[in-house]
């Protein structure tokens, strides 16, 4: 009996296609690549985008240090799905920040996504839904196109059950526990 070689896109003989794809983007494609609903997407934020992230990091920094937390844009895996995210900012306990591999959304305390013209709908819908399904306790959406901020919390399988906003840029928005602080959105 002869074996027919697999053609392009034929993954029937790959033991775990999800694992293979996620491995490839981490080790071959580079550091700033994510998979959103099966689509491989390079992440290349603009200066304005990065400024919004930096302003958030500066404001939550003192509270993070009090709580022994760390922030970064490390990888978040969503096992069992074709999703592997690189959030704009994720806050995690310090001991988890030493992890070499990806973390899971439920291991975060806060996930922040800042929209860009090319990915705004992804951050508003797909990522919001998936972060909730995978237990990210707080999701902050900074929508630069709409000029609003929304805080999503109390995750569930059908979505976040508590939504604060959208609030216009310039309004102070409250980040829930453990942060328990007002975030100035004027510079976004």
Protein backbone atom coordinates (compact mmCIF):
# COMPACT_ATOMS: atom_id res chain seq x y z
CA UNK A 1 0.00 0.00 0.00
CA UNK A 2 1.45 3.39 -0.96
CA UNK A 3 1.18 6.54 1.08
CA UNK A 4 0.12 9.73 -0.64
CA UNK A 5 2.20 12.68 0.55
CA UNK A 6 0.26 15.46 2.25
CA UNK A 7 -0.30 18.54 0.13
CA UNK A 8 -0.35 22.16 1.28
CA UNK A 9 -3.09 22.68 3.86
CA UNK A 10 -3.55 18.94 4.46
CA UNK A 11 -3.17 18.59 8.24
CA UNK A 12 -4.74 15.13 8.63
CA UNK A 13 -1.39 13.60 9.56
CA UNK A 14 -0.26 16.31 11.97
CA UNK A 15 -0.75 14.96 15.50
CA UNK A 16 -2.00 18.29 16.89
CA UNK A 17 -2.48 21.07 14.31
CA UNK A 18 -3.36 23.66 16.99
CA UNK A 19 -0.12 23.01 18.84
CA UNK A 20 1.91 23.02 15.62
CA UNK A 21 0.47 26.35 14.50
CA UNK A 22 1.03 27.99 17.87
CA UNK A 23 4.58 26.65 18.00
CA UNK A 24 5.27 28.02 14.52
CA UNK A 25 4.15 31.55 15.30
CA UNK A 26 6.17 31.62 18.50
CA UNK A 27 9.38 30.17 17.08
CA UNK A 28 9.34 30.97 13.38
CA UNK A 29 7.12 33.98 12.72
CA UNK A 30 8.62 36.23 15.43
CA UNK A 31 7.60 37.77 18.71
CA UNK A 32 4.80 40.03 17.59
CA UNK A 33 2.41 37.68 15.81
CA UNK A 34 -0.95 36.48 17.06
CA UNK A 35 -3.70 34.18 15.85
CA UNK A 36 -7.25 35.53 16.00
CA UNK A 37 -9.95 33.03 15.11
CA UNK A 38 -7.47 31.09 12.98
CA UNK A 39 -6.02 34.10 11.13
CA UNK A 40 -2.31 34.78 11.64
CA UNK A 41 -1.90 38.52 12.23
CA UNK A 42 1.31 40.51 12.70
CA UNK A 43 1.14 43.01 15.54
CA UNK A 44 2.79 46.34 14.69
CA UNK A 45 1.45 49.15 16.88
CA UNK A 46 1.90 52.83 16.05
CA UNK A 47 3.41 55.42 18.34
CA UNK A 48 -0.05 56.77 19.25
CA UNK A 49 -1.15 53.25 20.11
CA UNK A 50 1.93 52.63 22.27
CA UNK A 51 1.47 56.01 23.99
CA UNK A 52 -1.99 54.97 25.22
CA UNK A 53 -0.54 51.71 26.57
CA UNK A 54 2.33 53.56 28.24
CA UNK A 55 -0.04 56.05 29.91
CA UNK A 56 -2.03 53.17 31.40
CA UNK A 57 1.13 51.43 32.60
CA UNK A 58 2.34 54.65 34.28
CA UNK A 59 -0.96 55.14 36.09
CA UNK A 60 -1.35 51.60 37.38
CA UNK A 61 2.37 51.19 38.16
CA UNK A 62 2.30 52.31 41.82
CA UNK A 63 -0.67 50.06 42.59
CA UNK A 64 0.96 47.14 40.77
CA UNK A 65 4.10 47.51 42.90
CA UNK A 66 1.99 47.55 46.09
CA UNK A 67 0.32 44.30 45.01
CA UNK A 68 3.45 42.56 43.68
CA UNK A 69 2.24 42.54 40.07
CA UNK A 70 3.99 42.86 36.72
CA UNK A 71 2.77 44.16 33.36
CA UNK A 72 3.79 43.30 29.84
CA UNK A 73 2.59 42.18 26.45
CA UNK A 74 3.44 38.50 26.81
CA UNK A 75 1.58 35.80 24.92
CA UNK A 76 -1.81 34.50 26.03
CA UNK A 77 -2.87 31.07 24.82
CA UNK A 78 -6.50 30.00 24.48
CA UNK A 79 -6.17 26.19 24.45
CA UNK A 80 -8.58 24.23 22.31
CA UNK A 81 -9.07 27.17 19.94
CA UNK A 82 -7.25 28.70 17.00
CA UNK A 83 -6.39 31.73 19.12
CA UNK A 84 -3.07 32.91 20.50
CA UNK A 85 -3.08 36.56 21.55
CA UNK A 86 -0.44 39.20 22.18
CA UNK A 87 -2.35 41.72 24.31
CA UNK A 88 -1.27 45.32 24.35
CA UNK A 89 -0.89 45.01 28.11
CA UNK A 90 -1.56 42.23 30.59
CA UNK A 91 -1.08 42.44 34.35
CA UNK A 92 -0.14 39.25 36.19
CA UNK A 93 1.23 38.16 39.57
CA UNK A 94 5.04 38.61 39.71
CA UNK A 95 5.71 34.87 39.97
CA UNK A 96 3.86 34.23 36.70
CA UNK A 97 5.76 37.02 34.93
CA UNK A 98 8.84 34.77 35.01
CA UNK A 99 7.09 32.21 32.79
CA UNK A 100 8.88 31.54 29.50
CA UNK A 101 5.80 30.28 27.66
CA UNK A 102 2.35 31.69 27.19
CA UNK A 103 -0.04 32.31 30.06
CA UNK A 104 -3.79 31.74 30.08
CA UNK A 105 -6.28 34.62 30.29
CA UNK A 106 -7.59 33.49 33.70
CA UNK A 107 -4.07 33.94 35.11
CA UNK A 108 -4.20 37.68 34.40
CA UNK A 109 -5.69 40.37 36.60
CA UNK A 110 -6.17 42.86 33.78
CA UNK A 111 -5.95 42.65 30.00
CA UNK A 112 -5.81 45.85 27.94
CA UNK A 113 -6.38 46.11 24.20
CA UNK A 114 -6.00 49.41 22.34
CA UNK A 115 -7.70 49.50 18.96
CA UNK A 116 -6.05 50.38 15.68
CA UNK A 117 -7.87 51.04 12.41
CA UNK A 118 -6.84 47.60 11.19
CA UNK A 119 -7.96 45.60 14.25
CA UNK A 120 -10.66 47.59 16.03
CA UNK A 121 -13.46 45.13 15.34
CA UNK A 122 -11.30 42.23 16.53
CA UNK A 123 -10.66 43.93 19.88
CA UNK A 124 -14.32 44.98 20.25
CA UNK A 125 -15.85 41.58 19.49
CA UNK A 126 -13.68 38.46 19.10
CA UNK A 127 -11.15 39.26 21.80
CA UNK A 128 -13.78 40.54 24.22
CA UNK A 129 -15.76 37.31 23.83
CA UNK A 130 -12.72 35.03 24.07
CA UNK A 131 -11.16 36.82 27.04
CA UNK A 132 -14.45 36.37 28.88
CA UNK A 133 -14.79 32.70 27.92
CA UNK A 134 -11.25 32.04 29.17
CA UNK A 135 -11.75 33.88 32.46
CA UNK A 136 -9.78 37.12 32.14
CA UNK A 137 -11.26 38.94 35.14
CA UNK A 138 -11.01 42.49 33.73
CA UNK A 139 -10.76 43.57 30.10
CA UNK A 140 -10.10 47.25 29.36
CA UNK A 141 -10.89 48.27 25.80
CA UNK A 142 -9.35 51.56 24.71
CA UNK A 143 -11.10 52.35 21.45
CA UNK A 144 -9.03 55.00 19.69
CA UNK A 145 -11.36 55.17 16.69
CA UNK A 146 -14.48 55.76 18.83
CA UNK A 147 -12.44 57.74 21.41
CA UNK A 148 -13.92 55.74 24.28
CA UNK A 149 -12.87 53.37 27.06
CA UNK A 150 -14.91 50.45 28.38
CA UNK A 151 -14.19 48.23 31.36
CA UNK A 152 -15.56 44.67 31.12
CA UNK A 153 -15.56 42.45 34.22
CA UNK A 154 -17.23 39.39 35.72
CA UNK A 155 -16.42 36.99 32.88
CA UNK A 156 -18.69 34.14 31.79
CA UNK A 157 -19.12 31.76 28.88
CA UNK A 158 -21.60 34.11 27.22
CA UNK A 159 -19.58 37.27 27.80
CA UNK A 160 -18.79 39.75 30.51
CA UNK A 161 -21.70 40.40 32.83
CA UNK A 162 -20.57 43.82 34.04
CA UNK A 163 -19.83 46.56 31.50
CA UNK A 164 -18.77 50.06 32.57
CA UNK A 165 -18.90 52.43 29.61
CA UNK A 166 -18.19 53.29 26.95
CA UNK A 167 -16.79 56.47 28.51
CA UNK A 168 -15.42 59.27 26.32
CA UNK A 169 -11.70 60.00 26.38
CA UNK A 170 -11.09 62.55 29.12
CA UNK A 171 -13.41 60.87 31.62
CA UNK A 172 -11.93 59.11 34.62
CA UNK A 173 -12.75 55.40 34.55
CA UNK A 174 -12.66 53.12 37.55
CA UNK A 175 -10.60 49.96 37.44
CA UNK A 176 -12.10 47.40 39.84
CA UNK A 177 -10.31 45.39 42.52
CA UNK A 178 -7.55 44.63 43.00
CA UNK A 179 -6.56 47.94 41.36
CA UNK A 180 -9.38 50.04 42.77
CA UNK A 181 -8.21 53.24 41.11
CA UNK A 182 -9.40 55.87 38.70
CA UNK A 183 -7.67 55.91 35.32
CA UNK A 184 -7.23 59.28 33.59
CA UNK A 185 -8.05 58.80 29.91
CA UNK A 186 -7.33 62.37 28.80
CA UNK A 187 -4.05 61.60 27.07
CA UNK A 188 -5.26 58.64 24.99
